[in-house]
């Protein structure tokens, strides 16, 4: 068995308007333009612990913290680690 942690990817896309994406409790925010996508790469074990809150112009994603969470751009390149 591999020592690599199994991971899951969550797609976050702005479909109707500019959207604020906030990762809590870290407080790291991103603004997505219409049609823009980012991905959240998390350990599979953390997937069930994510809490997602959606409002009219944004979304807050509460992460288990600390963790090995990676935000990637639409092409899959790493933007930041949370």
Protein backbone atom coordinates (compact mmCIF):
# COMPACT_ATOMS: atom_id res chain seq x y z
CA UNK A 1 0.00 0.00 0.00
CA UNK A 2 1.22 3.49 -0.85
CA UNK A 3 2.10 6.03 1.83
CA UNK A 4 0.39 8.75 -0.21
CA UNK A 5 -2.77 10.17 1.30
CA UNK A 6 -5.85 9.60 -0.87
CA UNK A 7 -7.27 12.95 -1.97
CA UNK A 8 -10.54 14.39 -3.24
CA UNK A 9 -11.06 17.41 -5.48
CA UNK A 10 -13.97 19.82 -5.04
CA UNK A 11 -14.83 22.06 -8.02
CA UNK A 12 -15.94 25.61 -7.22
CA UNK A 13 -17.29 27.61 -10.17
CA UNK A 14 -18.92 31.02 -10.54
CA UNK A 15 -21.93 30.52 -12.81
CA UNK A 16 -24.27 33.48 -12.43
CA UNK A 17 -22.16 36.43 -11.30
CA UNK A 18 -18.88 37.38 -9.69
CA UNK A 19 -18.54 35.22 -6.59
CA UNK A 20 -16.54 35.53 -3.38
CA UNK A 21 -15.11 32.23 -2.10
CA UNK A 22 -14.00 32.28 1.52
CA UNK A 23 -12.07 29.47 3.21
CA UNK A 24 -12.69 29.45 6.95
CA UNK A 25 -11.45 29.49 9.67
CA UNK A 26 -8.32 30.56 7.80
CA UNK A 27 -9.98 33.65 6.32
CA UNK A 28 -8.45 33.24 2.88
CA UNK A 29 -10.71 34.78 0.18
CA UNK A 30 -10.84 34.63 -3.60
CA UNK A 31 -13.00 36.55 -6.08
CA UNK A 32 -14.14 34.45 -9.04
CA UNK A 33 -15.23 36.16 -12.23
CA UNK A 34 -18.26 34.82 -14.09
CA UNK A 35 -17.40 31.35 -15.42
CA UNK A 36 -14.12 31.12 -13.49
CA UNK A 37 -13.28 27.88 -11.67
CA UNK A 38 -11.00 26.91 -8.81
CA UNK A 39 -10.50 23.53 -7.19
CA UNK A 40 -10.06 22.56 -3.56
CA UNK A 41 -7.84 19.50 -3.13
CA UNK A 42 -8.31 17.88 0.30
CA UNK A 43 -7.37 14.62 1.99
CA UNK A 44 -10.22 12.16 1.41
CA UNK A 45 -10.57 11.74 5.18
CA UNK A 46 -11.42 15.49 5.48
CA UNK A 47 -14.09 15.51 2.76
CA UNK A 48 -16.95 14.57 5.10
CA UNK A 49 -15.97 17.31 7.55
CA UNK A 50 -16.26 20.21 5.05
CA UNK A 51 -19.05 22.66 5.82
CA UNK A 52 -20.37 24.74 2.93
CA UNK A 53 -22.45 27.90 3.35
CA UNK A 54 -23.85 29.60 0.24
CA UNK A 55 -25.26 33.10 0.04
CA UNK A 56 -26.34 35.29 -2.87
CA UNK A 57 -22.88 36.51 -3.91
CA UNK A 58 -20.55 34.00 -2.34
CA UNK A 59 -19.69 30.77 -0.65
CA UNK A 60 -17.86 29.96 2.58
CA UNK A 61 -16.13 26.63 2.95
CA UNK A 62 -15.22 25.64 6.50
CA UNK A 63 -12.23 23.32 6.52
CA UNK A 64 -10.91 21.02 9.20
CA UNK A 65 -7.88 22.96 10.38
CA UNK A 66 -5.00 22.43 10.34
CA UNK A 67 -4.93 20.31 7.25
CA UNK A 68 -3.36 19.60 3.91
CA UNK A 69 -5.72 21.66 1.75
CA UNK A 70 -4.61 22.97 -1.64
CA UNK A 71 -6.41 25.56 -3.80
CA UNK A 72 -5.76 25.13 -7.53
CA UNK A 73 -6.67 27.33 -10.48
CA UNK A 74 -8.86 26.21 -13.38
CA UNK A 75 -5.86 24.59 -15.07
CA UNK A 76 -4.94 22.61 -11.95
CA UNK A 77 -1.94 24.72 -10.91
CA UNK A 78 -1.45 25.29 -7.19
CA UNK A 79 -2.47 28.76 -6.00
CA UNK A 80 -2.02 28.33 -2.26
CA UNK A 81 -2.03 25.87 0.61
CA UNK A 82 -4.44 26.38 3.47
